[in-house]
């Protein structure tokens, strides 16, 4: 039986003025995507994995402007999701090595 790592990245997060709503898994199924909206429902952009940087990145919608609180919360969200992804990926590699023994 193959060990499985369960992720809890597929959930929504609330900031002070913004909401991160889980949108979908990537085509590969390895990473998540979230829509970012203001608390009054205005679309601000998307968070998804950016392969060249090996981390989650924020892709802002055209014409959006951000203040300090929102930028800080977006940065923290990116850091937290990237760290979760790296931990999950590391656990999967470890479990795979153990299962192969």
C-alpha atoms as a PDB file:
ATOM      1  CA  UNK A   1       0.000   0.000   0.000  1.00  0.00           C
ATOM      2  CA  UNK A   2       1.321   3.397  -0.983  1.00  0.00           C
ATOM      3  CA  UNK A   3       1.542   6.026   1.801  1.00  0.00           C
ATOM      4  CA  UNK A   4      -0.382   9.237   1.172  1.00  0.00           C
ATOM      5  CA  UNK A   5       0.169  12.762   2.413  1.00  0.00           C
ATOM      6  CA  UNK A   6      -3.009  14.745   2.942  1.00  0.00           C
ATOM      7  CA  UNK A   7      -2.790  18.460   2.212  1.00  0.00           C
ATOM      8  CA  UNK A   8      -4.924  21.156   3.781  1.00  0.00           C
ATOM      9  CA  UNK A   9      -3.843  23.824   1.289  1.00  0.00           C
ATOM     10  CA  UNK A  10      -7.230  23.571  -0.423  1.00  0.00           C
ATOM     11  CA  UNK A  11      -8.995  26.009   1.825  1.00  0.00           C
ATOM     12  CA  UNK A  12      -9.907  29.687   1.899  1.00  0.00           C
ATOM     13  CA  UNK A  13      -8.085  32.341   3.927  1.00  0.00           C
ATOM     14  CA  UNK A  14      -9.278  35.718   5.175  1.00  0.00           C
ATOM     15  CA  UNK A  15      -7.128  38.814   5.499  1.00  0.00           C
ATOM     16  CA  UNK A  16      -8.019  42.240   6.862  1.00  0.00           C
ATOM     17  CA  UNK A  17      -9.305  43.607   3.536  1.00  0.00           C
ATOM     18  CA  UNK A  18      -8.763  40.658   1.200  1.00  0.00           C
ATOM     19  CA  UNK A  19      -9.924  37.069   0.757  1.00  0.00           C
ATOM     20  CA  UNK A  20      -7.951  34.178  -0.687  1.00  0.00           C
ATOM     21  CA  UNK A  21     -10.388  31.646  -2.130  1.00  0.00           C
ATOM     22  CA  UNK A  22      -9.201  28.221  -3.280  1.00  0.00           C
ATOM     23  CA  UNK A  23      -9.830  28.022  -7.019  1.00  0.00           C
ATOM     24  CA  UNK A  24      -8.387  24.775  -8.349  1.00  0.00           C
ATOM     25  CA  UNK A  25      -5.465  22.400  -8.426  1.00  0.00           C
ATOM     26  CA  UNK A  26      -2.904  22.907 -11.176  1.00  0.00           C
ATOM     27  CA  UNK A  27      -3.099  20.684 -14.254  1.00  0.00           C
ATOM     28  CA  UNK A  28      -0.345  18.512 -12.781  1.00  0.00           C
ATOM     29  CA  UNK A  29      -2.202  18.271  -9.464  1.00  0.00           C
ATOM     30  CA  UNK A  30       0.950  19.247  -7.596  1.00  0.00           C
ATOM     31  CA  UNK A  31       0.049  22.834  -6.655  1.00  0.00           C
ATOM     32  CA  UNK A  32      -3.000  24.957  -5.838  1.00  0.00           C
ATOM     33  CA  UNK A  33      -4.427  28.173  -7.217  1.00  0.00           C
ATOM     34  CA  UNK A  34      -6.397  30.827  -5.334  1.00  0.00           C
ATOM     35  CA  UNK A  35      -8.358  33.859  -6.443  1.00  0.00           C
ATOM     36  CA  UNK A  36      -7.717  37.027  -4.465  1.00  0.00           C
ATOM     37  CA  UNK A  37     -10.588  39.446  -3.915  1.00  0.00           C
ATOM     38  CA  UNK A  38     -11.376  42.408  -1.713  1.00  0.00           C
ATOM     39  CA  UNK A  39     -13.836  41.803   1.104  1.00  0.00           C
ATOM     40  CA  UNK A  40     -16.462  43.611  -1.001  1.00  0.00           C
ATOM     41  CA  UNK A  41     -15.958  41.150  -3.876  1.00  0.00           C
ATOM     42  CA  UNK A  42     -13.685  43.053  -6.294  1.00  0.00           C
ATOM     43  CA  UNK A  43     -11.251  40.725  -8.104  1.00  0.00           C
ATOM     44  CA  UNK A  44      -7.633  41.585  -7.267  1.00  0.00           C
ATOM     45  CA  UNK A  45      -5.705  38.747  -8.894  1.00  0.00           C
ATOM     46  CA  UNK A  46      -4.579  35.149  -8.597  1.00  0.00           C
ATOM     47  CA  UNK A  47      -2.029  33.219  -6.545  1.00  0.00           C
ATOM     48  CA  UNK A  48      -0.405  30.256  -8.261  1.00  0.00           C
ATOM     49  CA  UNK A  49       2.877  28.387  -8.444  1.00  0.00           C
ATOM     50  CA  UNK A  50       5.610  30.121 -10.460  1.00  0.00           C
ATOM     51  CA  UNK A  51       7.948  27.345 -11.544  1.00  0.00           C
ATOM     52  CA  UNK A  52      10.984  29.453 -12.441  1.00  0.00           C
ATOM     53  CA  UNK A  53      11.086  30.855  -8.907  1.00  0.00           C
ATOM     54  CA  UNK A  54      10.062  27.549  -7.235  1.00  0.00           C
ATOM     55  CA  UNK A  55       7.440  29.326  -5.114  1.00  0.00           C
ATOM     56  CA  UNK A  56       3.928  30.712  -5.120  1.00  0.00           C
ATOM     57  CA  UNK A  57       3.532  34.155  -6.691  1.00  0.00           C
ATOM     58  CA  UNK A  58       0.785  36.775  -6.894  1.00  0.00           C
ATOM     59  CA  UNK A  59      -0.485  37.721 -10.343  1.00  0.00           C
ATOM     60  CA  UNK A  60      -2.393  40.999  -9.869  1.00  0.00           C
ATOM     61  CA  UNK A  61      -5.386  41.945 -12.004  1.00  0.00           C
ATOM     62  CA  UNK A  62      -4.848  44.843 -14.369  1.00  0.00           C
ATOM     63  CA  UNK A  63      -5.485  48.261 -12.832  1.00  0.00           C
ATOM     64  CA  UNK A  64      -5.309  47.134  -9.203  1.00  0.00           C
ATOM     65  CA  UNK A  65      -3.591  49.195  -6.512  1.00  0.00           C
ATOM     66  CA  UNK A  66      -2.532  47.900  -3.093  1.00  0.00           C
ATOM     67  CA  UNK A  67      -1.713  49.469   0.235  1.00  0.00           C
ATOM     68  CA  UNK A  68       0.684  48.263   2.929  1.00  0.00           C
ATOM     69  CA  UNK A  69      -1.680  45.939   4.836  1.00  0.00           C
ATOM     70  CA  UNK A  70      -2.810  44.079   1.719  1.00  0.00           C
ATOM     71  CA  UNK A  71       0.733  43.734   0.386  1.00  0.00           C
ATOM     72  CA  UNK A  72       1.943  42.415   3.733  1.00  0.00           C
ATOM     73  CA  UNK A  73      -0.881  39.860   3.906  1.00  0.00           C
ATOM     74  CA  UNK A  74      -0.306  38.772   0.303  1.00  0.00           C
ATOM     75  CA  UNK A  75       3.409  38.315   1.046  1.00  0.00           C
ATOM     76  CA  UNK A  76       2.663  36.279   4.178  1.00  0.00           C
ATOM     77  CA  UNK A  77       0.151  34.151   2.267  1.00  0.00           C
ATOM     78  CA  UNK A  78       2.746  33.429  -0.433  1.00  0.00           C
ATOM     79  CA  UNK A  79       5.404  32.524   2.136  1.00  0.00           C
ATOM     80  CA  UNK A  80       3.065  30.274   4.116  1.00  0.00           C
ATOM     81  CA  UNK A  81       1.717  28.413   1.080  1.00  0.00           C
ATOM     82  CA  UNK A  82       5.225  27.954  -0.364  1.00  0.00           C
ATOM     83  CA  UNK A  83       6.481  26.571   2.954  1.00  0.00           C
ATOM     84  CA  UNK A  84       3.490  24.197   3.196  1.00  0.00           C
ATOM     85  CA  UNK A  85       4.122  23.008  -0.354  1.00  0.00           C
ATOM     86  CA  UNK A  86       7.802  22.395   0.324  1.00  0.00           C
ATOM     87  CA  UNK A  87       7.054  20.505   3.536  1.00  0.00           C
ATOM     88  CA  UNK A  88       4.440  18.384   1.781  1.00  0.00           C
ATOM     89  CA  UNK A  89       6.771  17.661  -1.138  1.00  0.00           C
ATOM     90  CA  UNK A  90       9.553  16.707   1.272  1.00  0.00           C
ATOM     91  CA  UNK A  91       7.230  14.374   3.199  1.00  0.00           C
ATOM     92  CA  UNK A  92       6.114  12.699  -0.031  1.00  0.00           C
ATOM     93  CA  UNK A  93       9.744  12.119  -1.044  1.00  0.00           C
ATOM     94  CA  UNK A  94      10.540  10.658   2.385  1.00  0.00           C
ATOM     95  CA  UNK A  95       7.499   8.377   2.317  1.00  0.00           C
ATOM     96  CA  UNK A  96       8.389   7.242  -1.191  1.00  0.00           C
ATOM     97  CA  UNK A  97      11.927   6.343  -0.076  1.00  0.00           C
ATOM     98  CA  UNK A  98      10.576   4.428   2.928  1.00  0.00           C
ATOM     99  CA  UNK A  99       8.060   2.548   0.779  1.00  0.00           C
ATOM    100  CA  UNK A 100      10.799   1.566  -1.698  1.00  0.00           C
ATOM    101  CA  UNK A 101      12.898  -0.125   0.995  1.00  0.00           C
END
